[in-house]
Amino acid sequence: MIRQLRNKKFWRERSVRERRLLLMMAIFLLIGFVFFTLIEPALGGRSFWQQALPQLRSDRAQMQALASQLSVQASSAPSATGERPIDRTQLERSLSDSAIKTSSLDISEGLIRLRCSDVSFDSLNQWLQQMHREHSYVVTDVSIIARERAGQVDASVSLRSLSAKP
């Protein structure tokens, strides 16, 4: 490449001092180009990850702790295969313990349908969570209508056992 430059008219017209200055400027521009396209982004990325890494590590530790808690809860939950279905007396006792009075209650083959009026939303929510935790029932359909009093609702809920065939 330098030989080609020596043969060019532009290069031959320059004095030795101008050639050195042009060569130095070309080298300086090349170094600047390499620095700003290759080195500077790598250094910037490195500092970014050094700042972000402690937070990412704490997030990872928190997720691992939650995963271990979930695996412990999953192993302590009743298995869907060996579980016997809940009977009406157990269900009524559970509802009365949660201060939920039903206007209708229907139990059939792993399905529970209930209607209740003027119940506490918190009590209903806690009861649904309890049914999921203790008996592996999931909500399949729910209709909740707010009452005039704060926290009171009318609800219609359908639950299905995870062990029941859909």
N, C-alpha and C. Protein backbone atom coordinates (compact mmCIF):
# COMPACT_ATOMS: atom_id res chain seq x y z
N MET A 1 0.82 -1.18 0.00
CA MET A 1 0.00 0.00 0.00
C MET A 1 0.88 1.26 0.00
N ILE A 2 1.96 1.23 0.77
CA ILE A 2 2.86 2.38 0.82
C ILE A 2 3.54 2.56 -0.53
N ARG A 3 3.89 1.46 -1.21
CA ARG A 3 4.49 1.56 -2.54
C ARG A 3 3.54 2.24 -3.52
N GLN A 4 2.26 1.89 -3.43
CA GLN A 4 1.28 2.51 -4.32
C GLN A 4 1.18 4.01 -4.04
N LEU A 5 1.25 4.38 -2.76
CA LEU A 5 1.21 5.80 -2.44
C LEU A 5 2.43 6.54 -2.98
N ARG A 6 3.60 5.90 -2.94
CA ARG A 6 4.83 6.53 -3.43
C ARG A 6 4.74 6.80 -4.93
N ASN A 7 4.04 5.94 -5.63
CA ASN A 7 3.91 6.09 -7.08
C ASN A 7 2.86 7.13 -7.47
N LYS A 8 1.97 7.50 -6.60
CA LYS A 8 0.90 8.44 -6.91
C LYS A 8 1.46 9.85 -7.01
N LYS A 9 0.88 10.60 -7.86
CA LYS A 9 1.30 11.98 -8.10
C LYS A 9 1.11 12.83 -6.84
N PHE A 10 -0.04 12.65 -6.15
CA PHE A 10 -0.32 13.39 -4.92
C PHE A 10 0.81 13.21 -3.92
N TRP A 11 1.23 11.97 -3.75
CA TRP A 11 2.25 11.65 -2.76
C TRP A 11 3.61 12.23 -3.18
N ARG A 12 3.90 12.17 -4.46
CA ARG A 12 5.19 12.66 -4.94
C ARG A 12 5.29 14.18 -4.82
N GLU A 13 4.19 14.87 -4.89
CA GLU A 13 4.21 16.33 -4.80
C GLU A 13 4.42 16.82 -3.38
N ARG A 14 4.29 15.97 -2.39
CA ARG A 14 4.44 16.37 -0.99
C ARG A 14 5.90 16.31 -0.56
N SER A 15 6.21 17.21 0.36
CA SER A 15 7.56 17.20 0.92
C SER A 15 7.66 16.09 1.95
N VAL A 16 8.87 15.81 2.37
CA VAL A 16 9.09 14.74 3.35
C VAL A 16 8.34 15.05 4.65
N ARG A 17 8.37 16.28 5.08
CA ARG A 17 7.67 16.69 6.31
C ARG A 17 6.16 16.49 6.17
N GLU A 18 5.58 16.86 5.05
CA GLU A 18 4.14 16.68 4.82
C GLU A 18 3.78 15.21 4.77
N ARG A 19 4.64 14.41 4.14
CA ARG A 19 4.38 12.95 4.10
C ARG A 19 4.33 12.38 5.51
N ARG A 20 5.30 12.78 6.35
CA ARG A 20 5.33 12.29 7.74
C ARG A 20 4.06 12.72 8.49
N LEU A 21 3.67 13.97 8.31
CA LEU A 21 2.47 14.46 8.98
C LEU A 21 1.23 13.69 8.50
N LEU A 22 1.12 13.46 7.21
CA LEU A 22 -0.02 12.70 6.68
C LEU A 22 -0.02 11.27 7.20
N LEU A 23 1.17 10.66 7.23
CA LEU A 23 1.27 9.29 7.77
C LEU A 23 0.88 9.26 9.25
N MET A 24 1.35 10.24 10.02
CA MET A 24 1.01 10.29 11.45
C MET A 24 -0.51 10.48 11.63
N MET A 25 -1.09 11.35 10.83
CA MET A 25 -2.53 11.58 10.92
C MET A 25 -3.31 10.31 10.54
N ALA A 26 -2.86 9.61 9.51
CA ALA A 26 -3.52 8.36 9.11
C ALA A 26 -3.43 7.33 10.23
N ILE A 27 -2.26 7.22 10.85
CA ILE A 27 -2.10 6.27 11.96
C ILE A 27 -2.98 6.69 13.13
N PHE A 28 -3.01 7.99 13.44
CA PHE A 28 -3.84 8.50 14.52
C PHE A 28 -5.32 8.21 14.25
N LEU A 29 -5.77 8.45 13.03
CA LEU A 29 -7.16 8.16 12.67
C LEU A 29 -7.47 6.68 12.75
N LEU A 30 -6.53 5.84 12.33
CA LEU A 30 -6.73 4.39 12.41
C LEU A 30 -6.83 3.93 13.85
N ILE A 31 -5.95 4.46 14.69
CA ILE A 31 -6.01 4.10 16.12
C ILE A 31 -7.33 4.58 16.73
N GLY A 32 -7.75 5.80 16.40
CA GLY A 32 -9.02 6.32 16.90
C GLY A 32 -10.19 5.49 16.43
N PHE A 33 -10.19 5.10 15.17
CA PHE A 33 -11.25 4.26 14.63
C PHE A 33 -11.32 2.92 15.35
N VAL A 34 -10.17 2.29 15.54
CA VAL A 34 -10.13 0.99 16.24
C VAL A 34 -10.60 1.16 17.67
N PHE A 35 -10.15 2.22 18.33
CA PHE A 35 -10.55 2.43 19.72
C PHE A 35 -12.06 2.63 19.84
N PHE A 36 -12.62 3.54 19.04
CA PHE A 36 -14.03 3.87 19.18
C PHE A 36 -14.98 2.80 18.61
N THR A 37 -14.50 1.92 17.77
CA THR A 37 -15.39 0.86 17.25
C THR A 37 -15.23 -0.46 17.98
N LEU A 38 -14.05 -0.72 18.55
CA LEU A 38 -13.83 -2.02 19.19
C LEU A 38 -13.60 -1.93 20.69
N ILE A 39 -12.73 -1.06 21.12
CA ILE A 39 -12.31 -1.06 22.52
C ILE A 39 -13.29 -0.33 23.43
N GLU A 40 -13.70 0.87 23.05
CA GLU A 40 -14.58 1.67 23.90
C GLU A 40 -15.92 0.99 24.17
N PRO A 41 -16.60 0.40 23.18
CA PRO A 41 -17.86 -0.31 23.50
C PRO A 41 -17.64 -1.48 24.46
N ALA A 42 -16.53 -2.16 24.33
CA ALA A 42 -16.25 -3.28 25.23
C ALA A 42 -16.04 -2.78 26.66
N LEU A 43 -15.31 -1.68 26.81
CA LEU A 43 -15.09 -1.12 28.14
C LEU A 43 -16.39 -0.60 28.74
N GLY A 44 -17.23 0.05 27.92
CA GLY A 44 -18.52 0.53 28.41
C GLY A 44 -19.43 -0.61 28.82
N GLY A 45 -19.45 -1.66 28.04
CA GLY A 45 -20.26 -2.83 28.39
C GLY A 45 -19.77 -3.50 29.65
N ARG A 46 -18.47 -3.51 29.81
CA ARG A 46 -17.88 -4.12 31.01
C ARG A 46 -18.30 -3.35 32.26
N SER A 47 -18.23 -2.02 32.21
CA SER A 47 -18.63 -1.23 33.38
C SER A 47 -20.13 -1.38 33.65
N PHE A 48 -20.94 -1.46 32.59
CA PHE A 48 -22.38 -1.66 32.78
C PHE A 48 -22.64 -2.96 33.51
N TRP A 49 -22.01 -4.04 33.06
CA TRP A 49 -22.25 -5.34 33.69
C TRP A 49 -21.68 -5.41 35.09
N GLN A 50 -20.59 -4.69 35.36
CA GLN A 50 -20.06 -4.65 36.72
C GLN A 50 -21.04 -3.98 37.67
N GLN A 51 -21.76 -2.98 37.17
CA GLN A 51 -22.76 -2.32 38.01
C GLN A 51 -24.02 -3.17 38.14
N ALA A 52 -24.41 -3.86 37.09
CA ALA A 52 -25.66 -4.63 37.09
C ALA A 52 -25.52 -6.00 37.74
N LEU A 53 -24.33 -6.54 37.79
CA LEU A 53 -24.14 -7.91 38.26
C LEU A 53 -24.57 -8.14 39.71
N PRO A 54 -24.27 -7.26 40.67
CA PRO A 54 -24.74 -7.52 42.04
C PRO A 54 -26.27 -7.64 42.14
N GLN A 55 -27.00 -6.78 41.44
CA GLN A 55 -28.46 -6.86 41.45
C GLN A 55 -28.94 -8.15 40.81
N LEU A 56 -28.32 -8.54 39.71
CA LEU A 56 -28.71 -9.78 39.04
C LEU A 56 -28.44 -10.99 39.93
N ARG A 57 -27.33 -10.95 40.66
CA ARG A 57 -27.02 -12.06 41.57
C ARG A 57 -28.04 -12.16 42.69
N SER A 58 -28.44 -11.00 43.25
CA SER A 58 -29.44 -11.05 44.33
C SER A 58 -30.79 -11.52 43.78
N ASP A 59 -31.14 -11.10 42.56
CA ASP A 59 -32.37 -11.59 41.93
C ASP A 59 -32.33 -13.10 41.73
N ARG A 60 -31.18 -13.59 41.31
CA ARG A 60 -31.02 -15.04 41.10
C ARG A 60 -31.17 -15.79 42.42
N ALA A 61 -30.56 -15.27 43.48
CA ALA A 61 -30.66 -15.92 44.78
C ALA A 61 -32.11 -15.92 45.27
N GLN A 62 -32.81 -14.82 45.06
CA GLN A 62 -34.21 -14.75 45.47
C GLN A 62 -35.06 -15.74 44.68
N MET A 63 -34.82 -15.85 43.37
CA MET A 63 -35.58 -16.80 42.56
C MET A 63 -35.28 -18.24 42.98
N GLN A 64 -34.03 -18.53 43.32
CA GLN A 64 -33.71 -19.88 43.77
C GLN A 64 -34.39 -20.19 45.09
N ALA A 65 -34.44 -19.20 45.99
CA ALA A 65 -35.12 -19.41 47.27
C ALA A 65 -36.61 -19.66 47.05
N LEU A 66 -37.21 -18.88 46.16
CA LEU A 66 -38.63 -19.09 45.86
C LEU A 66 -38.87 -20.44 45.20
N ALA A 67 -37.97 -20.86 44.33
CA ALA A 67 -38.11 -22.16 43.68
C ALA A 67 -37.99 -23.29 44.69
N SER A 68 -37.08 -23.15 45.65
CA SER A 68 -36.96 -24.20 46.66
C SER A 68 -38.19 -24.24 47.56
N GLN A 69 -38.75 -23.07 47.89
CA GLN A 69 -39.98 -23.03 48.67
C GLN A 69 -41.12 -23.70 47.90
N LEU A 70 -41.18 -23.42 46.62
CA LEU A 70 -42.24 -24.00 45.79
C LEU A 70 -42.10 -25.51 45.72
N SER A 71 -40.88 -26.00 45.60
CA SER A 71 -40.70 -27.46 45.54
C SER A 71 -41.05 -28.11 46.88
N VAL A 72 -40.75 -27.42 47.99
CA VAL A 72 -41.13 -27.96 49.30
C VAL A 72 -42.64 -27.99 49.44
N GLN A 73 -43.30 -26.92 49.01
CA GLN A 73 -44.77 -26.88 49.09
C GLN A 73 -45.41 -27.91 48.17
N ALA A 74 -44.82 -28.09 46.99
CA ALA A 74 -45.37 -29.07 46.06
C ALA A 74 -45.24 -30.48 46.61
N SER A 75 -44.14 -30.76 47.29
CA SER A 75 -43.96 -32.10 47.84
C SER A 75 -44.84 -32.32 49.07
N SER A 76 -45.18 -31.25 49.80
CA SER A 76 -46.02 -31.42 50.98
C SER A 76 -47.51 -31.34 50.65
N ALA A 77 -47.86 -30.87 49.45
CA ALA A 77 -49.27 -30.80 49.04
C ALA A 77 -49.82 -32.20 48.83
N PRO A 78 -51.09 -32.39 49.07
CA PRO A 78 -51.66 -33.73 48.85
C PRO A 78 -51.59 -34.10 47.37
N SER A 79 -51.26 -35.34 47.14
CA SER A 79 -51.14 -35.77 45.75
C SER A 79 -52.52 -35.95 45.15
N ALA A 80 -52.62 -35.66 43.87
CA ALA A 80 -53.91 -35.73 43.20
C ALA A 80 -54.38 -37.16 43.02
N THR A 81 -53.46 -38.10 42.99
CA THR A 81 -53.86 -39.49 42.74
C THR A 81 -54.38 -40.18 43.99
N GLY A 82 -53.78 -39.92 45.16
CA GLY A 82 -54.18 -40.62 46.37
C GLY A 82 -55.20 -39.86 47.18
N GLU A 83 -55.66 -38.75 46.71
CA GLU A 83 -56.55 -37.90 47.47
C GLU A 83 -57.99 -38.35 47.31
N ARG A 84 -58.72 -38.40 48.42
CA ARG A 84 -60.12 -38.74 48.32
C ARG A 84 -60.92 -37.45 48.21
N PRO A 85 -62.03 -37.46 47.51
CA PRO A 85 -62.80 -36.23 47.30
C PRO A 85 -63.36 -35.69 48.61
N ILE A 86 -63.53 -34.40 48.65
CA ILE A 86 -64.08 -33.75 49.84
C ILE A 86 -65.58 -34.04 49.91
N ASP A 87 -66.07 -34.30 51.12
CA ASP A 87 -67.50 -34.57 51.24
C ASP A 87 -68.23 -33.31 51.70
N ARG A 88 -69.54 -33.39 51.66
CA ARG A 88 -70.37 -32.22 51.93
C ARG A 88 -70.17 -31.68 53.35
N THR A 89 -70.05 -32.55 54.34
CA THR A 89 -69.90 -32.08 55.72
C THR A 89 -68.56 -31.35 55.91
N GLN A 90 -67.50 -31.86 55.31
CA GLN A 90 -66.21 -31.17 55.39
C GLN A 90 -66.31 -29.79 54.74
N LEU A 91 -66.95 -29.74 53.60
CA LEU A 91 -67.08 -28.50 52.86
C LEU A 91 -67.91 -27.49 53.65
N GLU A 92 -69.02 -27.92 54.22
CA GLU A 92 -69.87 -27.02 55.01
C GLU A 92 -69.13 -26.52 56.24
N ARG A 93 -68.35 -27.41 56.89
CA ARG A 93 -67.56 -27.02 58.05
C ARG A 93 -66.51 -25.98 57.66
N SER A 94 -65.87 -26.22 56.53
CA SER A 94 -64.85 -25.27 56.04
C SER A 94 -65.47 -23.91 55.74
N LEU A 95 -66.64 -23.92 55.13
CA LEU A 95 -67.32 -22.66 54.82
C LEU A 95 -67.75 -21.94 56.10
N SER A 96 -68.27 -22.66 57.07
CA SER A 96 -68.71 -22.02 58.31
C SER A 96 -67.51 -21.50 59.11
N ASP A 97 -66.39 -22.21 59.07
CA ASP A 97 -65.17 -21.73 59.74
C ASP A 97 -64.69 -20.42 59.12
N SER A 98 -64.95 -20.23 57.85
CA SER A 98 -64.55 -19.01 57.15
C SER A 98 -65.64 -17.95 57.18
N ALA A 99 -66.72 -18.19 57.89
CA ALA A 99 -67.85 -17.26 58.02
C ALA A 99 -68.49 -16.97 56.67
N ILE A 100 -68.64 -18.03 55.87
CA ILE A 100 -69.29 -17.90 54.57
C ILE A 100 -70.59 -18.70 54.62
N LYS A 101 -71.71 -17.98 54.42
CA LYS A 101 -73.03 -18.63 54.40
C LYS A 101 -73.46 -18.74 52.95
N THR A 102 -73.76 -19.97 52.54
CA THR A 102 -74.14 -20.21 51.15
C THR A 102 -75.65 -20.25 51.00
N SER A 103 -76.10 -19.79 49.84
CA SER A 103 -77.52 -19.91 49.53
C SER A 103 -77.77 -21.19 48.74
N SER A 104 -76.75 -21.67 48.02
CA SER A 104 -76.86 -22.96 47.36
C SER A 104 -75.47 -23.58 47.28
N LEU A 105 -75.43 -24.90 47.38
CA LEU A 105 -74.18 -25.64 47.36
C LEU A 105 -74.41 -26.95 46.62
N ASP A 106 -73.60 -27.20 45.60
CA ASP A 106 -73.74 -28.40 44.79
C ASP A 106 -72.38 -29.06 44.65
N ILE A 107 -72.30 -30.34 44.98
CA ILE A 107 -71.05 -31.11 44.88
C ILE A 107 -71.32 -32.31 43.98
N SER A 108 -70.48 -32.45 42.93
CA SER A 108 -70.64 -33.62 42.07
C SER A 108 -69.34 -33.91 41.34
N GLU A 109 -68.82 -35.10 41.50
CA GLU A 109 -67.66 -35.63 40.78
C GLU A 109 -66.51 -34.64 40.63
N GLY A 110 -66.02 -34.15 41.75
CA GLY A 110 -64.88 -33.24 41.71
C GLY A 110 -65.23 -31.81 41.39
N LEU A 111 -66.51 -31.50 41.26
CA LEU A 111 -66.95 -30.13 40.98
C LEU A 111 -67.73 -29.60 42.17
N ILE A 112 -67.48 -28.35 42.51
CA ILE A 112 -68.22 -27.68 43.58
C ILE A 112 -68.76 -26.38 43.00
N ARG A 113 -70.06 -26.17 43.19
CA ARG A 113 -70.68 -24.91 42.78
C ARG A 113 -71.38 -24.34 44.01
N LEU A 114 -71.10 -23.07 44.28
CA LEU A 114 -71.75 -22.45 45.43
C LEU A 114 -72.12 -21.01 45.11
N ARG A 115 -73.19 -20.57 45.76
CA ARG A 115 -73.64 -19.18 45.67
C ARG A 115 -73.73 -18.66 47.10
N CYS A 116 -73.28 -17.44 47.27
CA CYS A 116 -73.36 -16.84 48.60
C CYS A 116 -73.67 -15.36 48.46
N SER A 117 -74.37 -14.84 49.46
CA SER A 117 -74.77 -13.44 49.45
C SER A 117 -74.23 -12.74 50.68
N ASP A 118 -73.82 -11.51 50.48
CA ASP A 118 -73.35 -10.64 51.55
C ASP A 118 -72.26 -11.31 52.41
N VAL A 119 -71.17 -11.72 51.74
CA VAL A 119 -70.02 -12.31 52.43
C VAL A 119 -68.82 -11.38 52.28
N SER A 120 -67.91 -11.51 53.17
CA SER A 120 -66.68 -10.72 53.11
C SER A 120 -65.81 -11.23 51.95
N PHE A 121 -65.36 -10.29 51.13
CA PHE A 121 -64.51 -10.67 50.00
C PHE A 121 -63.21 -11.31 50.50
N ASP A 122 -62.65 -10.77 51.58
CA ASP A 122 -61.41 -11.34 52.13
C ASP A 122 -61.62 -12.78 52.59
N SER A 123 -62.73 -13.04 53.26
CA SER A 123 -63.02 -14.40 53.72
C SER A 123 -63.16 -15.35 52.54
N LEU A 124 -63.87 -14.90 51.53
CA LEU A 124 -64.06 -15.74 50.34
C LEU A 124 -62.72 -16.03 49.67
N ASN A 125 -61.90 -15.01 49.52
CA ASN A 125 -60.60 -15.17 48.89
C ASN A 125 -59.72 -16.13 49.70
N GLN A 126 -59.70 -15.98 51.01
CA GLN A 126 -58.91 -16.88 51.85
C GLN A 126 -59.43 -18.31 51.79
N TRP A 127 -60.73 -18.47 51.74
CA TRP A 127 -61.30 -19.82 51.64
C TRP A 127 -60.92 -20.47 50.31
N LEU A 128 -60.97 -19.70 49.22
CA LEU A 128 -60.57 -20.24 47.92
C LEU A 128 -59.10 -20.66 47.92
N GLN A 129 -58.25 -19.85 48.54
CA GLN A 129 -56.83 -20.22 48.63
C GLN A 129 -56.64 -21.46 49.48
N GLN A 130 -57.41 -21.57 50.56
CA GLN A 130 -57.34 -22.75 51.42
C GLN A 130 -57.78 -24.00 50.66
N MET A 131 -58.84 -23.89 49.88
CA MET A 131 -59.31 -25.03 49.09
C MET A 131 -58.25 -25.46 48.07
N HIS A 132 -57.57 -24.51 47.52
CA HIS A 132 -56.51 -24.85 46.56
C HIS A 132 -55.34 -25.52 47.27
N ARG A 133 -54.93 -24.96 48.40
CA ARG A 133 -53.79 -25.50 49.13
C ARG A 133 -54.06 -26.88 49.71
N GLU A 134 -55.18 -27.02 50.39
CA GLU A 134 -55.44 -28.23 51.15
C GLU A 134 -56.10 -29.34 50.34
N HIS A 135 -56.91 -28.98 49.35
CA HIS A 135 -57.67 -30.01 48.64
C HIS A 135 -57.43 -30.01 47.14
N SER A 136 -56.55 -29.17 46.65
CA SER A 136 -56.20 -29.08 45.23
C SER A 136 -57.41 -28.77 44.34
N TYR A 137 -58.21 -27.83 44.77
CA TYR A 137 -59.32 -27.34 43.95
C TYR A 137 -58.91 -26.03 43.31
N VAL A 138 -59.28 -25.84 42.05
CA VAL A 138 -59.00 -24.59 41.34
C VAL A 138 -60.31 -23.96 40.92
N VAL A 139 -60.31 -22.64 40.85
CA VAL A 139 -61.51 -21.91 40.44
C VAL A 139 -61.64 -22.01 38.92
N THR A 140 -62.78 -22.46 38.46
CA THR A 140 -63.02 -22.53 37.02
C THR A 140 -63.93 -21.41 36.54
N ASP A 141 -64.81 -20.94 37.42
CA ASP A 141 -65.72 -19.87 37.04
C ASP A 141 -66.08 -19.10 38.30
N VAL A 142 -66.07 -17.78 38.19
CA VAL A 142 -66.42 -16.96 39.34
C VAL A 142 -67.15 -15.71 38.86
N SER A 143 -68.15 -15.32 39.63
CA SER A 143 -68.87 -14.08 39.36
C SER A 143 -69.03 -13.38 40.71
N ILE A 144 -68.48 -12.18 40.80
CA ILE A 144 -68.51 -11.44 42.07
C ILE A 144 -69.15 -10.08 41.81
N ILE A 145 -70.12 -9.74 42.65
CA ILE A 145 -70.80 -8.46 42.55
C ILE A 145 -70.63 -7.74 43.89
N ALA A 146 -70.13 -6.52 43.83
CA ALA A 146 -69.89 -5.75 45.04
C ALA A 146 -71.20 -5.29 45.66
N ARG A 147 -71.25 -5.28 46.97
CA ARG A 147 -72.42 -4.77 47.70
C ARG A 147 -72.16 -3.31 48.08
N GLU A 148 -73.16 -2.69 48.66
CA GLU A 148 -73.01 -1.29 49.06
C GLU A 148 -72.01 -1.15 50.20
N ARG A 149 -72.01 -2.08 51.11
CA ARG A 149 -71.05 -2.02 52.21
C ARG A 149 -69.67 -2.40 51.69
N ALA A 150 -68.65 -1.70 52.15
CA ALA A 150 -67.28 -1.95 51.69
C ALA A 150 -66.82 -3.34 52.11
N GLY A 151 -66.26 -4.07 51.16
CA GLY A 151 -65.70 -5.39 51.44
C GLY A 151 -66.70 -6.52 51.37
N GLN A 152 -67.98 -6.24 51.16
CA GLN A 152 -69.00 -7.27 51.10
C GLN A 152 -69.38 -7.51 49.65
N VAL A 153 -69.60 -8.79 49.29
CA VAL A 153 -69.91 -9.16 47.92
C VAL A 153 -70.96 -10.27 47.86
N ASP A 154 -71.57 -10.39 46.69
CA ASP A 154 -72.37 -11.56 46.33
C ASP A 154 -71.51 -12.34 45.35
N ALA A 155 -71.42 -13.66 45.52
CA ALA A 155 -70.52 -14.43 44.67
C ALA A 155 -71.15 -15.74 44.23
N SER A 156 -70.75 -16.13 43.04
CA SER A 156 -71.10 -17.43 42.49
C SER A 156 -69.78 -18.04 42.03
N VAL A 157 -69.42 -19.19 42.59
CA VAL A 157 -68.10 -19.78 42.35
C VAL A 157 -68.25 -21.24 41.93
N SER A 158 -67.43 -21.61 40.94
CA SER A 158 -67.33 -23.03 40.54
C SER A 158 -65.88 -23.46 40.73
N LEU A 159 -65.71 -24.58 41.41
CA LEU A 159 -64.37 -25.13 41.67
C LEU A 159 -64.28 -26.52 41.06
N ARG A 160 -63.08 -26.87 40.61
CA ARG A 160 -62.86 -28.21 40.07
C ARG A 160 -61.62 -28.79 40.72
N SER A 161 -61.70 -30.04 41.10
CA SER A 161 -60.57 -30.74 41.69
C SER A 161 -59.53 -31.03 40.61
N LEU A 162 -58.28 -30.88 40.94
CA LEU A 162 -57.23 -31.19 39.96
C LEU A 162 -57.17 -32.68 39.65
N SER A 163 -57.68 -33.49 40.59
CA SER A 163 -57.68 -34.93 40.34
C SER A 163 -58.89 -35.39 39.52
N ALA A 164 -59.89 -34.53 39.40
CA ALA A 164 -61.08 -34.89 38.61
C ALA A 164 -60.78 -34.79 37.14
N LYS A 165 -61.38 -35.68 36.37
CA LYS A 165 -61.18 -35.66 34.92
C LYS A 165 -62.05 -34.57 34.33
N PRO A 166 -61.49 -33.75 33.43
CA PRO A 166 -62.27 -32.65 32.87
C PRO A 166 -63.38 -33.12 31.96
